[in-house]
Amino acid sequence: MLEKETYSSKIATIIRTMIRDGELQPGEPIKETVLGERLSVSRAPIREALQELAYEGIVTSEPQKGKRVRLLSDKDIVDSYTVGGILESVGVSDSLAKWTDGDSQELAEIVDEMRQRSKSAADTGALMELDDQFHSVLLRHCDNGRLVEMARLSCITISKVLGYKKWRTLFSPSDFCQRHEALARVVATRNAEVIARALREHYLEIGERMVR
């Protein structure tokens, strides 16, 4: 049985994993009673977890229909990545005055780690975590918390949950590293216009590949 103090957060993580792994399919109803029996918990923490997932855009809720795994159209996907690129480009460009050589070095080290991990076909999960670290560093100096939150949620719900199986096949490990290495070089120039364009193109390419 899950420990009481971590009910909702652990349940949310479990449901994300179920969706990511295909145990719950896009458009499929989510039954609180079924989840409760499976996890040996009451409906209250499950309801809280589903509210969290609804906020993230992973679950939808409609009157008379209940809660379902979000079903994305091709336009939803491309629009989400377009918005993600725009928001991240704004967040990075507006905080360049705070960017340091140490930040650029950290990006380079993350890319080096990606390169090492890419040698193993079993390290897709590690590359995913490094991708998160890379983009977190890009936005670390942005003081607009809402922008940072929306920039991450606009894409992460697709790439890491709803569309994970497709996302992980979009690029070979070497291409994955090269794309991030190119971004790191661009950010090191501290040229706001060039950085903004590179980030928008980076995200748009992902969105377009996701719907092919």
N, C-alpha and C. Protein backbone atom coordinates (compact mmCIF):
# COMPACT_ATOMS: atom_id res chain seq x y z
N MET A 1 0.85 -1.20 0.00
CA MET A 1 0.00 0.00 0.00
C MET A 1 0.88 1.25 0.00
N LEU A 2 0.45 2.29 -0.74
CA LEU A 2 1.22 3.52 -0.79
C LEU A 2 1.14 4.26 0.54
N GLU A 3 2.22 4.92 0.92
CA GLU A 3 2.23 5.69 2.15
C GLU A 3 1.30 6.89 2.01
N LYS A 4 0.56 7.17 3.07
CA LYS A 4 -0.50 8.17 3.00
C LYS A 4 -0.01 9.54 2.59
N GLU A 5 1.15 9.97 3.13
CA GLU A 5 1.60 11.33 2.88
C GLU A 5 2.01 11.57 1.42
N THR A 6 2.18 10.51 0.65
CA THR A 6 2.60 10.69 -0.73
C THR A 6 1.60 10.08 -1.71
N TYR A 7 0.39 9.89 -1.26
CA TYR A 7 -0.65 9.28 -2.10
C TYR A 7 -0.75 9.94 -3.48
N SER A 8 -1.16 11.21 -3.50
CA SER A 8 -1.53 11.83 -4.77
C SER A 8 -0.35 11.96 -5.73
N SER A 9 0.83 12.33 -5.21
CA SER A 9 1.99 12.48 -6.10
C SER A 9 2.43 11.14 -6.68
N LYS A 10 2.42 10.10 -5.84
CA LYS A 10 2.81 8.78 -6.34
C LYS A 10 1.79 8.24 -7.32
N ILE A 11 0.52 8.47 -7.03
CA ILE A 11 -0.52 7.99 -7.94
C ILE A 11 -0.42 8.70 -9.28
N ALA A 12 -0.17 10.01 -9.25
CA ALA A 12 -0.02 10.76 -10.50
C ALA A 12 1.14 10.19 -11.33
N THR A 13 2.24 9.86 -10.66
CA THR A 13 3.39 9.28 -11.35
C THR A 13 3.04 7.93 -11.95
N ILE A 14 2.31 7.12 -11.20
CA ILE A 14 1.91 5.80 -11.69
C ILE A 14 1.02 5.93 -12.93
N ILE A 15 0.07 6.87 -12.89
CA ILE A 15 -0.83 7.04 -14.03
C ILE A 15 -0.06 7.56 -15.24
N ARG A 16 0.87 8.48 -15.02
CA ARG A 16 1.70 8.96 -16.14
C ARG A 16 2.42 7.78 -16.79
N THR A 17 2.98 6.91 -15.95
CA THR A 17 3.71 5.76 -16.47
C THR A 17 2.79 4.82 -17.24
N MET A 18 1.59 4.61 -16.73
CA MET A 18 0.62 3.76 -17.42
C MET A 18 0.28 4.32 -18.80
N ILE A 19 0.13 5.63 -18.88
CA ILE A 19 -0.18 6.27 -20.16
C ILE A 19 1.03 6.20 -21.08
N ARG A 20 2.20 6.51 -20.54
CA ARG A 20 3.43 6.47 -21.33
C ARG A 20 3.68 5.09 -21.92
N ASP A 21 3.41 4.05 -21.13
CA ASP A 21 3.68 2.68 -21.56
C ASP A 21 2.54 2.05 -22.35
N GLY A 22 1.45 2.79 -22.53
CA GLY A 22 0.35 2.28 -23.34
C GLY A 22 -0.68 1.46 -22.59
N GLU A 23 -0.57 1.37 -21.27
CA GLU A 23 -1.58 0.65 -20.50
C GLU A 23 -2.91 1.40 -20.50
N LEU A 24 -2.82 2.70 -20.59
CA LEU A 24 -4.00 3.55 -20.80
C LEU A 24 -3.81 4.27 -22.13
N GLN A 25 -4.76 4.09 -23.03
CA GLN A 25 -4.63 4.62 -24.38
C GLN A 25 -5.29 6.00 -24.51
N PRO A 26 -4.84 6.82 -25.48
CA PRO A 26 -5.48 8.11 -25.73
C PRO A 26 -6.99 7.96 -25.94
N GLY A 27 -7.76 8.76 -25.23
CA GLY A 27 -9.21 8.70 -25.33
C GLY A 27 -9.86 7.71 -24.40
N GLU A 28 -9.06 6.88 -23.74
CA GLU A 28 -9.61 5.84 -22.86
C GLU A 28 -10.12 6.44 -21.54
N PRO A 29 -11.29 6.01 -21.09
CA PRO A 29 -11.81 6.49 -19.80
C PRO A 29 -10.90 6.06 -18.65
N ILE A 30 -10.81 6.90 -17.64
CA ILE A 30 -10.04 6.57 -16.43
C ILE A 30 -11.03 6.42 -15.29
N LYS A 31 -11.14 5.23 -14.76
CA LYS A 31 -12.09 4.92 -13.70
C LYS A 31 -11.41 5.01 -12.33
N GLU A 32 -11.90 5.91 -11.50
CA GLU A 32 -11.32 6.07 -10.17
C GLU A 32 -11.44 4.79 -9.35
N THR A 33 -12.57 4.10 -9.48
CA THR A 33 -12.77 2.88 -8.69
C THR A 33 -11.79 1.79 -9.10
N VAL A 34 -11.54 1.67 -10.39
CA VAL A 34 -10.60 0.64 -10.88
C VAL A 34 -9.19 0.94 -10.39
N LEU A 35 -8.78 2.21 -10.49
CA LEU A 35 -7.45 2.58 -10.01
C LEU A 35 -7.33 2.38 -8.50
N GLY A 36 -8.41 2.70 -7.79
CA GLY A 36 -8.40 2.54 -6.35
C GLY A 36 -8.17 1.10 -5.94
N GLU A 37 -8.85 0.18 -6.62
CA GLU A 37 -8.69 -1.24 -6.32
C GLU A 37 -7.27 -1.71 -6.66
N ARG A 38 -6.76 -1.23 -7.77
CA ARG A 38 -5.42 -1.65 -8.19
C ARG A 38 -4.34 -1.18 -7.24
N LEU A 39 -4.48 0.05 -6.74
CA LEU A 39 -3.44 0.65 -5.90
C LEU A 39 -3.74 0.53 -4.41
N SER A 40 -4.90 -0.01 -4.09
CA SER A 40 -5.30 -0.18 -2.68
C SER A 40 -5.35 1.16 -1.95
N VAL A 41 -5.96 2.14 -2.60
CA VAL A 41 -6.13 3.45 -1.98
C VAL A 41 -7.57 3.91 -2.19
N SER A 42 -7.97 4.91 -1.43
CA SER A 42 -9.32 5.44 -1.57
C SER A 42 -9.41 6.34 -2.80
N ARG A 43 -10.63 6.75 -3.14
CA ARG A 43 -10.83 7.56 -4.34
C ARG A 43 -10.33 8.99 -4.17
N ALA A 44 -10.27 9.49 -2.93
CA ALA A 44 -9.90 10.89 -2.72
C ALA A 44 -8.50 11.22 -3.26
N PRO A 45 -7.45 10.48 -2.90
CA PRO A 45 -6.13 10.80 -3.44
C PRO A 45 -6.03 10.56 -4.95
N ILE A 46 -6.80 9.59 -5.45
CA ILE A 46 -6.82 9.36 -6.89
C ILE A 46 -7.42 10.57 -7.60
N ARG A 47 -8.48 11.11 -7.02
CA ARG A 47 -9.12 12.29 -7.59
C ARG A 47 -8.14 13.47 -7.61
N GLU A 48 -7.36 13.61 -6.53
CA GLU A 48 -6.37 14.69 -6.47
C GLU A 48 -5.30 14.50 -7.55
N ALA A 49 -4.86 13.25 -7.73
CA ALA A 49 -3.85 12.96 -8.74
C ALA A 49 -4.38 13.28 -10.14
N LEU A 50 -5.62 12.93 -10.40
CA LEU A 50 -6.21 13.20 -11.72
C LEU A 50 -6.39 14.69 -11.96
N GLN A 51 -6.65 15.44 -10.90
CA GLN A 51 -6.73 16.89 -11.04
C GLN A 51 -5.37 17.46 -11.43
N GLU A 52 -4.32 16.91 -10.85
CA GLU A 52 -2.96 17.33 -11.20
C GLU A 52 -2.67 17.03 -12.67
N LEU A 53 -3.06 15.85 -13.12
CA LEU A 53 -2.82 15.46 -14.51
C LEU A 53 -3.68 16.27 -15.47
N ALA A 54 -4.87 16.66 -15.02
CA ALA A 54 -5.72 17.51 -15.86
C ALA A 54 -5.07 18.89 -16.03
N TYR A 55 -4.48 19.40 -14.96
CA TYR A 55 -3.79 20.69 -15.03
C TYR A 55 -2.63 20.62 -16.01
N GLU A 56 -1.95 19.48 -16.05
CA GLU A 56 -0.82 19.29 -16.95
C GLU A 56 -1.25 19.05 -18.39
N GLY A 57 -2.54 18.81 -18.60
CA GLY A 57 -3.02 18.56 -19.95
C GLY A 57 -2.92 17.12 -20.38
N ILE A 58 -2.72 16.22 -19.44
CA ILE A 58 -2.59 14.80 -19.74
C ILE A 58 -3.95 14.11 -19.71
N VAL A 59 -4.82 14.60 -18.84
CA VAL A 59 -6.16 14.04 -18.67
C VAL A 59 -7.19 15.13 -18.97
N THR A 60 -8.30 14.74 -19.57
CA THR A 60 -9.40 15.68 -19.81
C THR A 60 -10.60 15.25 -18.98
N SER A 61 -11.45 16.21 -18.68
CA SER A 61 -12.66 15.92 -17.90
C SER A 61 -13.83 16.66 -18.52
N GLU A 62 -14.89 15.92 -18.84
CA GLU A 62 -16.08 16.51 -19.45
C GLU A 62 -17.32 16.06 -18.70
N PRO A 63 -18.30 16.96 -18.57
CA PRO A 63 -19.56 16.60 -17.91
C PRO A 63 -20.21 15.40 -18.61
N GLN A 64 -20.70 14.48 -17.83
CA GLN A 64 -21.39 13.28 -18.31
C GLN A 64 -20.44 12.24 -18.93
N LYS A 65 -19.21 12.62 -19.19
CA LYS A 65 -18.26 11.69 -19.81
C LYS A 65 -17.15 11.26 -18.87
N GLY A 66 -16.94 12.03 -17.82
CA GLY A 66 -15.89 11.69 -16.87
C GLY A 66 -14.50 12.05 -17.37
N LYS A 67 -13.51 11.40 -16.81
CA LYS A 67 -12.11 11.69 -17.13
C LYS A 67 -11.57 10.69 -18.14
N ARG A 68 -10.76 11.20 -19.05
CA ARG A 68 -10.16 10.36 -20.09
C ARG A 68 -8.71 10.78 -20.32
N VAL A 69 -7.94 9.86 -20.87
CA VAL A 69 -6.61 10.21 -21.34
C VAL A 69 -6.78 11.15 -22.52
N ARG A 70 -6.04 12.23 -22.52
CA ARG A 70 -6.19 13.23 -23.58
C ARG A 70 -5.87 12.64 -24.95
N LEU A 71 -6.73 12.91 -25.91
CA LEU A 71 -6.54 12.47 -27.29
C LEU A 71 -6.11 13.68 -28.11
N LEU A 72 -4.90 13.63 -28.65
CA LEU A 72 -4.33 14.77 -29.36
C LEU A 72 -4.51 14.65 -30.87
N SER A 73 -4.87 15.76 -31.51
CA SER A 73 -4.88 15.80 -32.97
C SER A 73 -3.48 16.20 -33.44
N ASP A 74 -3.21 16.03 -34.73
CA ASP A 74 -1.92 16.46 -35.27
C ASP A 74 -1.71 17.95 -35.03
N LYS A 75 -2.77 18.72 -35.18
CA LYS A 75 -2.66 20.17 -34.97
C LYS A 75 -2.33 20.49 -33.51
N ASP A 76 -2.95 19.75 -32.58
CA ASP A 76 -2.63 19.94 -31.16
C ASP A 76 -1.14 19.77 -30.92
N ILE A 77 -0.58 18.73 -31.53
CA ILE A 77 0.84 18.42 -31.32
C ILE A 77 1.74 19.50 -31.89
N VAL A 78 1.51 19.87 -33.15
CA VAL A 78 2.34 20.90 -33.77
C VAL A 78 2.19 22.23 -33.04
N ASP A 79 0.96 22.57 -32.68
CA ASP A 79 0.73 23.83 -31.96
C ASP A 79 1.46 23.83 -30.62
N SER A 80 1.44 22.70 -29.92
CA SER A 80 2.09 22.63 -28.61
C SER A 80 3.59 22.85 -28.72
N TYR A 81 4.22 22.21 -29.71
CA TYR A 81 5.66 22.39 -29.87
C TYR A 81 6.00 23.78 -30.38
N THR A 82 5.14 24.35 -31.20
CA THR A 82 5.36 25.72 -31.66
C THR A 82 5.34 26.68 -30.47
N VAL A 83 4.34 26.52 -29.61
CA VAL A 83 4.23 27.37 -28.42
C VAL A 83 5.43 27.14 -27.49
N GLY A 84 5.82 25.88 -27.32
CA GLY A 84 6.97 25.59 -26.47
C GLY A 84 8.23 26.28 -26.95
N GLY A 85 8.45 26.27 -28.26
CA GLY A 85 9.63 26.93 -28.82
C GLY A 85 9.59 28.43 -28.63
N ILE A 86 8.41 29.01 -28.82
CA ILE A 86 8.27 30.46 -28.65
C ILE A 86 8.53 30.86 -27.20
N LEU A 87 7.89 30.14 -26.28
CA LEU A 87 8.03 30.48 -24.86
C LEU A 87 9.47 30.30 -24.37
N GLU A 88 10.10 29.19 -24.76
CA GLU A 88 11.47 28.98 -24.31
C GLU A 88 12.40 30.02 -24.92
N SER A 89 12.18 30.37 -26.17
CA SER A 89 13.04 31.38 -26.80
C SER A 89 12.92 32.72 -26.10
N VAL A 90 11.70 33.07 -25.68
CA VAL A 90 11.51 34.33 -24.95
C VAL A 90 12.19 34.26 -23.59
N GLY A 91 11.99 33.13 -22.89
CA GLY A 91 12.59 32.98 -21.57
C GLY A 91 14.10 33.06 -21.59
N VAL A 92 14.72 32.43 -22.59
CA VAL A 92 16.18 32.45 -22.69
C VAL A 92 16.67 33.82 -23.14
N SER A 93 16.05 34.37 -24.17
CA SER A 93 16.49 35.66 -24.71
C SER A 93 16.40 36.78 -23.67
N ASP A 94 15.32 36.77 -22.89
CA ASP A 94 15.11 37.83 -21.91
C ASP A 94 16.02 37.71 -20.69
N SER A 95 16.67 36.57 -20.52
CA SER A 95 17.53 36.40 -19.34
C SER A 95 19.00 36.25 -19.71
N LEU A 96 19.35 36.60 -20.94
CA LEU A 96 20.74 36.44 -21.38
C LEU A 96 21.73 37.29 -20.58
N ALA A 97 21.26 38.40 -20.03
CA ALA A 97 22.16 39.26 -19.26
C ALA A 97 22.71 38.53 -18.04
N LYS A 98 21.99 37.50 -17.58
CA LYS A 98 22.42 36.75 -16.40
C LYS A 98 23.23 35.50 -16.77
N TRP A 99 23.31 35.23 -18.07
CA TRP A 99 23.99 34.01 -18.52
C TRP A 99 25.49 34.12 -18.27
N THR A 100 26.10 33.03 -17.83
CA THR A 100 27.53 33.04 -17.52
C THR A 100 28.27 31.98 -18.33
N ASP A 101 29.59 32.09 -18.33
CA ASP A 101 30.41 31.06 -18.98
C ASP A 101 30.19 29.71 -18.29
N GLY A 102 29.92 29.76 -16.99
CA GLY A 102 29.66 28.53 -16.26
C GLY A 102 28.41 27.83 -16.76
N ASP A 103 27.39 28.61 -17.13
CA ASP A 103 26.17 28.02 -17.69
C ASP A 103 26.46 27.34 -19.02
N SER A 104 27.25 28.00 -19.85
CA SER A 104 27.61 27.41 -21.15
C SER A 104 28.42 26.13 -20.95
N GLN A 105 29.30 26.14 -19.96
CA GLN A 105 30.09 24.95 -19.66
C GLN A 105 29.20 23.81 -19.19
N GLU A 106 28.18 24.14 -18.40
CA GLU A 106 27.26 23.10 -17.92
C GLU A 106 26.50 22.47 -19.07
N LEU A 107 26.07 23.29 -20.04
CA LEU A 107 25.40 22.73 -21.21
C LEU A 107 26.34 21.79 -21.97
N ALA A 108 27.60 22.22 -22.11
CA ALA A 108 28.58 21.39 -22.82
C ALA A 108 28.78 20.06 -22.10
N GLU A 109 28.79 20.09 -20.77
CA GLU A 109 28.97 18.85 -20.00
C GLU A 109 27.77 17.93 -20.15
N ILE A 110 26.57 18.51 -20.22
CA ILE A 110 25.37 17.69 -20.43
C ILE A 110 25.43 17.03 -21.80
N VAL A 111 25.87 17.78 -22.81
CA VAL A 111 26.00 17.21 -24.15
C VAL A 111 27.03 16.09 -24.16
N ASP A 112 28.13 16.28 -23.44
CA ASP A 112 29.15 15.22 -23.35
C ASP A 112 28.56 13.96 -22.73
N GLU A 113 27.74 14.15 -21.70
CA GLU A 113 27.10 13.00 -21.06
C GLU A 113 26.11 12.33 -22.02
N MET A 114 25.39 13.15 -22.80
CA MET A 114 24.50 12.59 -23.82
C MET A 114 25.27 11.72 -24.80
N ARG A 115 26.43 12.22 -25.19
CA ARG A 115 27.25 11.48 -26.16
C ARG A 115 27.67 10.12 -25.60
N GLN A 116 28.03 10.10 -24.33
CA GLN A 116 28.41 8.84 -23.70
C GLN A 116 27.22 7.89 -23.60
N ARG A 117 26.08 8.44 -23.18
CA ARG A 117 24.88 7.61 -23.01
C ARG A 117 24.35 7.09 -24.34
N SER A 118 24.57 7.86 -25.40
CA SER A 118 24.02 7.48 -26.71
C SER A 118 24.69 6.23 -27.27
N LYS A 119 25.79 5.81 -26.67
CA LYS A 119 26.48 4.62 -27.15
C LYS A 119 25.75 3.34 -26.75
N SER A 120 24.82 3.47 -25.79
CA SER A 120 24.06 2.32 -25.34
C SER A 120 22.60 2.46 -25.73
N ALA A 121 22.08 1.48 -26.46
CA ALA A 121 20.69 1.53 -26.90
C ALA A 121 19.73 1.47 -25.72
N ALA A 122 20.22 0.99 -24.58
CA ALA A 122 19.35 0.83 -23.40
C ALA A 122 19.24 2.11 -22.59
N ASP A 123 19.95 3.17 -23.00
CA ASP A 123 20.00 4.39 -22.19
C ASP A 123 19.05 5.48 -22.68
N THR A 124 17.95 5.11 -23.31
CA THR A 124 16.97 6.10 -23.76
C THR A 124 16.45 6.92 -22.59
N GLY A 125 16.19 6.25 -21.47
CA GLY A 125 15.69 6.95 -20.29
C GLY A 125 16.68 7.98 -19.79
N ALA A 126 17.96 7.64 -19.83
CA ALA A 126 18.99 8.58 -19.39
C ALA A 126 19.05 9.79 -20.32
N LEU A 127 18.90 9.57 -21.62
CA LEU A 127 18.90 10.68 -22.56
C LEU A 127 17.71 11.59 -22.31
N MET A 128 16.58 11.00 -21.96
CA MET A 128 15.39 11.79 -21.65
C MET A 128 15.65 12.69 -20.45
N GLU A 129 16.28 12.15 -19.42
CA GLU A 129 16.59 12.94 -18.23
C GLU A 129 17.59 14.05 -18.55
N LEU A 130 18.57 13.74 -19.39
CA LEU A 130 19.55 14.75 -19.78
C LEU A 130 18.91 15.85 -20.62
N ASP A 131 17.94 15.48 -21.43
CA ASP A 131 17.19 16.47 -22.21
C ASP A 131 16.49 17.44 -21.26
N ASP A 132 15.87 16.90 -20.21
CA ASP A 132 15.21 17.75 -19.21
C ASP A 132 16.22 18.68 -18.54
N GLN A 133 17.38 18.14 -18.18
CA GLN A 133 18.41 18.95 -17.53
C GLN A 133 18.87 20.07 -18.45
N PHE A 134 19.07 19.75 -19.71
CA PHE A 134 19.55 20.73 -20.69
C PHE A 134 18.60 21.92 -20.77
N HIS A 135 17.32 21.63 -20.94
CA HIS A 135 16.35 22.72 -21.10
C HIS A 135 16.08 23.45 -19.78
N SER A 136 16.28 22.76 -18.67
CA SER A 136 16.15 23.44 -17.37
C SER A 136 17.27 24.46 -17.19
N VAL A 137 18.47 24.11 -17.63
CA VAL A 137 19.59 25.06 -17.56
C VAL A 137 19.30 26.27 -18.43
N LEU A 138 18.74 26.04 -19.62
CA LEU A 138 18.44 27.16 -20.51
C LEU A 138 17.52 28.18 -19.84
N LEU A 139 16.60 27.70 -19.03
CA LEU A 139 15.59 28.60 -18.45
C LEU A 139 15.88 28.97 -16.99
N ARG A 140 17.03 28.59 -16.48
CA ARG A 140 17.27 28.78 -15.05
C ARG A 140 17.31 30.25 -14.63
N HIS A 141 17.68 31.15 -15.54
CA HIS A 141 17.78 32.56 -15.17
C HIS A 141 16.51 33.35 -15.47
N CYS A 142 15.52 32.70 -16.07
CA CYS A 142 14.26 33.39 -16.36
C CYS A 142 13.48 33.56 -15.06
N ASP A 143 13.13 34.80 -14.73
CA ASP A 143 12.44 35.05 -13.46
C ASP A 143 10.92 35.08 -13.60
N ASN A 144 10.43 34.71 -14.78
CA ASN A 144 8.99 34.61 -15.00
C ASN A 144 8.58 33.15 -14.80
N GLY A 145 8.20 32.83 -13.58
CA GLY A 145 7.89 31.45 -13.24
C GLY A 145 6.77 30.86 -14.07
N ARG A 146 5.77 31.66 -14.37
CA ARG A 146 4.64 31.17 -15.16
C ARG A 146 5.08 30.81 -16.57
N LEU A 147 5.94 31.64 -17.16
CA LEU A 147 6.44 31.36 -18.51
C LEU A 147 7.22 30.05 -18.52
N VAL A 148 8.07 29.86 -17.52
CA VAL A 148 8.87 28.64 -17.45
C VAL A 148 7.97 27.42 -17.32
N GLU A 149 6.98 27.52 -16.46
CA GLU A 149 6.05 26.40 -16.25
C GLU A 149 5.32 26.05 -17.54
N MET A 150 4.80 27.05 -18.23
CA MET A 150 4.04 26.80 -19.45
C MET A 150 4.95 26.32 -20.59
N ALA A 151 6.18 26.81 -20.63
CA ALA A 151 7.12 26.37 -21.66
C ALA A 151 7.39 24.87 -21.51
N ARG A 152 7.55 24.41 -20.29
CA ARG A 152 7.83 23.00 -20.06
C ARG A 152 6.58 22.14 -20.29
N LEU A 153 5.44 22.59 -19.76
CA LEU A 153 4.22 21.78 -19.87
C LEU A 153 3.73 21.67 -21.31
N SER A 154 3.98 22.69 -22.12
CA SER A 154 3.46 22.67 -23.49
C SER A 154 3.98 21.49 -24.29
N CYS A 155 5.18 21.02 -23.95
CA CYS A 155 5.78 19.93 -24.72
C CYS A 155 6.01 18.66 -23.91
N ILE A 156 6.34 18.81 -22.65
CA ILE A 156 6.75 17.63 -21.87
C ILE A 156 5.61 16.63 -21.71
N THR A 157 4.37 17.12 -21.69
CA THR A 157 3.24 16.19 -21.56
C THR A 157 3.12 15.30 -22.80
N ILE A 158 3.61 15.79 -23.93
CA ILE A 158 3.58 14.99 -25.16
C ILE A 158 4.81 14.10 -25.25
N SER A 159 5.99 14.72 -25.17
CA SER A 159 7.22 13.96 -25.39
C SER A 159 7.51 12.94 -24.31
N LYS A 160 7.11 13.22 -23.07
CA LYS A 160 7.45 12.32 -21.97
C LYS A 160 6.28 11.45 -21.50
N VAL A 161 5.07 11.72 -22.00
CA VAL A 161 3.92 10.93 -21.55
C VAL A 161 3.04 10.51 -22.74
N LEU A 162 2.23 11.44 -23.26
CA LEU A 162 1.22 11.09 -24.25
C LEU A 162 1.80 10.56 -25.56
N GLY A 163 2.93 11.11 -25.97
CA GLY A 163 3.52 10.68 -27.24
C GLY A 163 4.92 10.11 -27.08
N TYR A 164 5.20 9.56 -25.90
CA TYR A 164 6.57 9.13 -25.59
C TYR A 164 7.10 8.09 -26.56
N LYS A 165 6.28 7.09 -26.90
CA LYS A 165 6.76 6.01 -27.76
C LYS A 165 7.18 6.54 -29.13
N LYS A 166 6.46 7.53 -29.64
CA LYS A 166 6.84 8.13 -30.92
C LYS A 166 8.04 9.06 -30.74
N TRP A 167 8.02 9.86 -29.69
CA TRP A 167 9.08 10.85 -29.45
C TRP A 167 10.45 10.19 -29.37
N ARG A 168 10.53 9.04 -28.70
CA ARG A 168 11.82 8.40 -28.48
C ARG A 168 12.42 7.84 -29.77
N THR A 169 11.62 7.76 -30.85
CA THR A 169 12.12 7.22 -32.12
C THR A 169 12.37 8.32 -33.16
N LEU A 170 12.16 9.57 -32.80
CA LEU A 170 12.26 10.65 -33.79
C LEU A 170 13.67 10.85 -34.32
N PHE A 171 14.66 10.70 -33.43
CA PHE A 171 16.05 10.94 -33.80
C PHE A 171 16.92 9.79 -33.31
N SER A 172 17.95 9.50 -34.07
CA SER A 172 18.92 8.52 -33.60
C SER A 172 19.66 9.14 -32.41
N PRO A 173 20.27 8.32 -31.56
CA PRO A 173 21.02 8.88 -30.43
C PRO A 173 22.07 9.90 -30.86
N SER A 174 22.76 9.63 -31.97
CA SER A 174 23.78 10.58 -32.42
C SER A 174 23.16 11.89 -32.89
N ASP A 175 22.02 11.81 -33.59
CA ASP A 175 21.33 13.02 -34.02
C ASP A 175 20.81 13.80 -32.81
N PHE A 176 20.33 13.07 -31.83
CA PHE A 176 19.83 13.68 -30.60
C PHE A 176 20.94 14.53 -29.96
N CYS A 177 22.13 13.97 -29.88
CA CYS A 177 23.27 14.69 -29.30
C CYS A 177 23.66 15.89 -30.15
N GLN A 178 23.70 15.70 -31.46
CA GLN A 178 24.11 16.78 -32.35
C GLN A 178 23.15 17.97 -32.28
N ARG A 179 21.86 17.68 -32.15
CA ARG A 179 20.88 18.76 -32.06
C ARG A 179 21.10 19.60 -30.80
N HIS A 180 21.40 18.93 -29.69
CA HIS A 180 21.63 19.67 -28.45
C HIS A 180 22.99 20.35 -28.45
N GLU A 181 23.96 19.73 -29.08
CA GLU A 181 25.27 20.37 -29.20
C GLU A 181 25.16 21.66 -30.01
N ALA A 182 24.36 21.62 -31.08
CA ALA A 182 24.16 22.81 -31.90
C ALA A 182 23.49 23.92 -31.10
N LEU A 183 22.49 23.56 -30.30
CA LEU A 183 21.83 24.55 -29.46
C LEU A 183 22.80 25.16 -28.44
N ALA A 184 23.63 24.31 -27.85
CA ALA A 184 24.59 24.80 -26.85
C ALA A 184 25.55 25.81 -27.48
N ARG A 185 25.98 25.54 -28.70
CA ARG A 185 26.88 26.48 -29.39
C ARG A 185 26.19 27.80 -29.66
N VAL A 186 24.93 27.73 -30.08
CA VAL A 186 24.18 28.95 -30.38
C VAL A 186 23.98 29.78 -29.11
N VAL A 187 23.60 29.13 -28.02
CA VAL A 187 23.37 29.85 -26.77
C VAL A 187 24.66 30.51 -26.28
N ALA A 188 25.79 29.87 -26.51
CA ALA A 188 27.07 30.42 -26.08
C ALA A 188 27.40 31.74 -26.77
N THR A 189 26.78 32.00 -27.94
CA THR A 189 27.02 33.27 -28.64
C THR A 189 26.34 34.44 -27.93
N ARG A 190 25.30 34.14 -27.15
CA ARG A 190 24.50 35.15 -26.44
C ARG A 190 23.88 36.17 -27.40
N ASN A 191 23.61 35.72 -28.59
CA ASN A 191 22.92 36.54 -29.59
C ASN A 191 21.43 36.20 -29.52
N ALA A 192 20.64 37.11 -28.95
CA ALA A 192 19.24 36.83 -28.66
C ALA A 192 18.45 36.43 -29.91
N GLU A 193 18.66 37.12 -31.00
CA GLU A 193 17.90 36.83 -32.22
C GLU A 193 18.22 35.45 -32.77
N VAL A 194 19.50 35.12 -32.79
CA VAL A 194 19.92 33.82 -33.31
C VAL A 194 19.44 32.69 -32.40
N ILE A 195 19.53 32.91 -31.10
CA ILE A 195 19.08 31.91 -30.13
C ILE A 195 17.58 31.66 -30.27
N ALA A 196 16.80 32.73 -30.37
CA ALA A 196 15.35 32.60 -30.47
C ALA A 196 14.97 31.81 -31.72
N ARG A 197 15.62 32.10 -32.83
CA ARG A 197 15.31 31.39 -34.07
C ARG A 197 15.68 29.91 -33.96
N ALA A 198 16.84 29.63 -33.37
CA ALA A 198 17.29 28.24 -33.25
C ALA A 198 16.35 27.42 -32.36
N LEU A 199 15.89 28.02 -31.26
CA LEU A 199 14.99 27.30 -30.36
C LEU A 199 13.64 27.04 -31.00
N ARG A 200 13.12 28.04 -31.71
CA ARG A 200 11.83 27.83 -32.38
C ARG A 200 11.93 26.73 -33.43
N GLU A 201 13.03 26.72 -34.18
CA GLU A 201 13.21 25.69 -35.21
C GLU A 201 13.41 24.32 -34.57
N HIS A 202 14.12 24.27 -33.45
CA HIS A 202 14.36 23.02 -32.73
C HIS A 202 13.03 22.36 -32.34
N TYR A 203 12.14 23.15 -31.76
CA TYR A 203 10.85 22.61 -31.31
C TYR A 203 9.92 22.31 -32.48
N LEU A 204 9.91 23.18 -33.47
CA LEU A 204 9.01 22.97 -34.60
C LEU A 204 9.36 21.68 -35.34
N GLU A 205 10.65 21.39 -35.48
CA GLU A 205 11.04 20.15 -36.15
C GLU A 205 10.52 18.93 -35.39
N ILE A 206 10.57 18.99 -34.06
CA ILE A 206 10.05 17.87 -33.27
C ILE A 206 8.55 17.71 -33.53
N GLY A 207 7.82 18.82 -33.47
CA GLY A 207 6.38 18.76 -33.68
C GLY A 207 6.02 18.19 -35.04
N GLU A 208 6.73 18.62 -36.07
CA GLU A 208 6.44 18.14 -37.42
C GLU A 208 6.77 16.66 -37.58
N ARG A 209 7.84 16.21 -36.93
CA ARG A 209 8.18 14.79 -37.01
C ARG A 209 7.19 13.93 -36.22
N MET A 210 6.65 14.48 -35.15
CA MET A 210 5.71 13.72 -34.34
C MET A 210 4.45 13.35 -35.11
N VAL A 211 4.08 14.14 -36.10
CA VAL A 211 2.81 13.89 -36.81
C VAL A 211 3.02 13.22 -38.17
N ARG A 212 4.24 12.87 -38.50
CA ARG A 212 4.48 12.20 -39.78
C ARG A 212 4.00 10.76 -39.74
